[in-house]
Amino acid sequence: MLGILTIVDSVIQQVITQGLTYVYEPIVSNNSYGFRPGKFSIKQSLEYIN
């Protein structure tokens, strides 16, 4: 069973992800776009750089 996710594993991962997002999203820089749902935009990144 190594490497095969179960439904329970997926649920646990989702709960942890949502919990960490709730805690850390308010304190992360608004200019940080990587791996953040709804925040990644090449256009936004380029506007920040320029």
N, C-alpha and C. Protein backbone atom coordinates (compact mmCIF):
# COMPACT_ATOMS: atom_id res chain seq x y z
N MET A 1 0.81 -1.20 0.00
CA MET A 1 0.00 0.00 0.00
C MET A 1 0.85 1.26 0.00
N LEU A 2 2.12 1.11 -0.09
CA LEU A 2 3.01 2.26 -0.07
C LEU A 2 2.77 3.13 -1.30
N GLY A 3 2.53 4.41 -1.06
CA GLY A 3 2.33 5.34 -2.16
C GLY A 3 0.90 5.48 -2.63
N ILE A 4 -0.01 4.67 -2.10
CA ILE A 4 -1.41 4.76 -2.50
C ILE A 4 -2.18 5.46 -1.39
N LEU A 5 -2.71 6.64 -1.72
CA LEU A 5 -3.46 7.40 -0.74
C LEU A 5 -4.85 6.81 -0.54
N THR A 6 -5.28 6.82 0.67
CA THR A 6 -6.64 6.38 0.96
C THR A 6 -7.51 7.60 1.14
N ILE A 7 -8.79 7.38 1.23
CA ILE A 7 -9.73 8.48 1.44
C ILE A 7 -9.43 9.17 2.77
N VAL A 8 -9.11 8.40 3.78
CA VAL A 8 -8.80 8.98 5.10
C VAL A 8 -7.58 9.88 5.00
N ASP A 9 -6.54 9.44 4.29
CA ASP A 9 -5.34 10.26 4.11
C ASP A 9 -5.68 11.57 3.42
N SER A 10 -6.50 11.50 2.39
CA SER A 10 -6.88 12.70 1.65
C SER A 10 -7.67 13.67 2.52
N VAL A 11 -8.55 13.15 3.34
CA VAL A 11 -9.34 14.00 4.24
C VAL A 11 -8.43 14.67 5.26
N ILE A 12 -7.51 13.92 5.83
CA ILE A 12 -6.58 14.47 6.82
C ILE A 12 -5.72 15.56 6.19
N GLN A 13 -5.21 15.32 4.99
CA GLN A 13 -4.40 16.32 4.31
C GLN A 13 -5.20 17.60 4.06
N GLN A 14 -6.46 17.45 3.64
CA GLN A 14 -7.30 18.62 3.36
C GLN A 14 -7.59 19.42 4.64
N VAL A 15 -7.84 18.73 5.74
CA VAL A 15 -8.10 19.41 7.01
C VAL A 15 -6.87 20.19 7.46
N ILE A 16 -5.71 19.58 7.34
CA ILE A 16 -4.47 20.26 7.73
C ILE A 16 -4.23 21.47 6.82
N THR A 17 -4.42 21.29 5.53
CA THR A 17 -4.22 22.39 4.58
C THR A 17 -5.14 23.56 4.89
N GLN A 18 -6.41 23.29 5.12
CA GLN A 18 -7.36 24.36 5.42
C GLN A 18 -7.02 25.05 6.73
N GLY A 19 -6.61 24.28 7.72
CA GLY A 19 -6.25 24.86 9.01
C GLY A 19 -5.04 25.77 8.91
N LEU A 20 -4.01 25.31 8.21
CA LEU A 20 -2.80 26.12 8.06
C LEU A 20 -3.07 27.36 7.20
N THR A 21 -3.89 27.21 6.18
CA THR A 21 -4.24 28.35 5.35
C THR A 21 -4.97 29.40 6.17
N TYR A 22 -5.89 28.97 6.99
CA TYR A 22 -6.66 29.90 7.84
C TYR A 22 -5.73 30.66 8.80
N VAL A 23 -4.75 29.96 9.34
CA VAL A 23 -3.84 30.58 10.31
C VAL A 23 -2.83 31.50 9.63
N TYR A 24 -2.22 31.06 8.54
CA TYR A 24 -1.09 31.78 7.97
C TYR A 24 -1.44 32.75 6.84
N GLU A 25 -2.57 32.60 6.19
CA GLU A 25 -2.92 33.48 5.08
C GLU A 25 -2.92 34.96 5.47
N PRO A 26 -3.45 35.35 6.63
CA PRO A 26 -3.45 36.77 6.98
C PRO A 26 -2.06 37.37 7.22
N ILE A 27 -1.07 36.54 7.55
CA ILE A 27 0.24 37.09 7.89
C ILE A 27 1.26 36.97 6.76
N VAL A 28 0.89 36.32 5.67
CA VAL A 28 1.81 36.17 4.53
C VAL A 28 1.74 37.44 3.69
N SER A 29 2.86 37.85 3.15
CA SER A 29 2.94 39.06 2.32
C SER A 29 1.96 38.99 1.15
N ASN A 30 1.34 40.12 0.85
CA ASN A 30 0.44 40.18 -0.30
C ASN A 30 1.19 40.04 -1.62
N ASN A 31 2.50 40.19 -1.58
CA ASN A 31 3.31 40.06 -2.79
C ASN A 31 3.87 38.66 -2.97
N SER A 32 3.42 37.72 -2.16
CA SER A 32 3.84 36.33 -2.28
C SER A 32 2.75 35.58 -3.03
N TYR A 33 3.08 35.08 -4.23
CA TYR A 33 2.07 34.49 -5.09
C TYR A 33 2.16 32.97 -5.19
N GLY A 34 3.30 32.37 -4.94
CA GLY A 34 3.49 30.96 -5.18
C GLY A 34 2.70 30.06 -4.24
N PHE A 35 2.05 29.07 -4.80
CA PHE A 35 1.34 28.03 -4.06
C PHE A 35 0.21 28.57 -3.18
N ARG A 36 -0.38 29.68 -3.58
CA ARG A 36 -1.50 30.24 -2.82
C ARG A 36 -2.73 30.29 -3.72
N PRO A 37 -3.77 29.59 -3.35
CA PRO A 37 -4.97 29.55 -4.19
C PRO A 37 -5.52 30.94 -4.45
N GLY A 38 -5.73 31.24 -5.72
CA GLY A 38 -6.31 32.51 -6.09
C GLY A 38 -5.34 33.67 -6.05
N LYS A 39 -4.07 33.44 -5.74
CA LYS A 39 -3.11 34.53 -5.62
C LYS A 39 -2.09 34.53 -6.75
N PHE A 40 -1.89 33.42 -7.42
CA PHE A 40 -0.86 33.38 -8.46
C PHE A 40 -1.38 34.00 -9.74
N SER A 41 -0.67 34.97 -10.18
CA SER A 41 -0.98 35.60 -11.45
C SER A 41 0.30 36.14 -12.03
N ILE A 42 0.63 35.71 -13.22
CA ILE A 42 1.85 36.20 -13.87
C ILE A 42 1.73 37.70 -14.07
N LYS A 43 0.55 38.17 -14.44
CA LYS A 43 0.35 39.60 -14.63
C LYS A 43 0.62 40.38 -13.33
N GLN A 44 0.09 39.89 -12.20
CA GLN A 44 0.34 40.54 -10.92
C GLN A 44 1.81 40.52 -10.56
N SER A 45 2.46 39.41 -10.80
CA SER A 45 3.89 39.29 -10.50
C SER A 45 4.71 40.27 -11.32
N LEU A 46 4.41 40.37 -12.61
CA LEU A 46 5.13 41.30 -13.46
C LEU A 46 4.88 42.74 -13.08
N GLU A 47 3.65 43.07 -12.67
CA GLU A 47 3.35 44.42 -12.23
C GLU A 47 4.14 44.77 -10.97
N TYR A 48 4.29 43.80 -10.08
CA TYR A 48 5.06 44.03 -8.84
C TYR A 48 6.53 44.27 -9.16
N ILE A 49 7.07 43.50 -10.10
CA ILE A 49 8.48 43.64 -10.46
C ILE A 49 8.73 44.99 -11.14
N ASN A 50 7.83 45.38 -12.00
CA ASN A 50 8.01 46.64 -12.75
C ASN A 50 7.51 47.74 -11.89
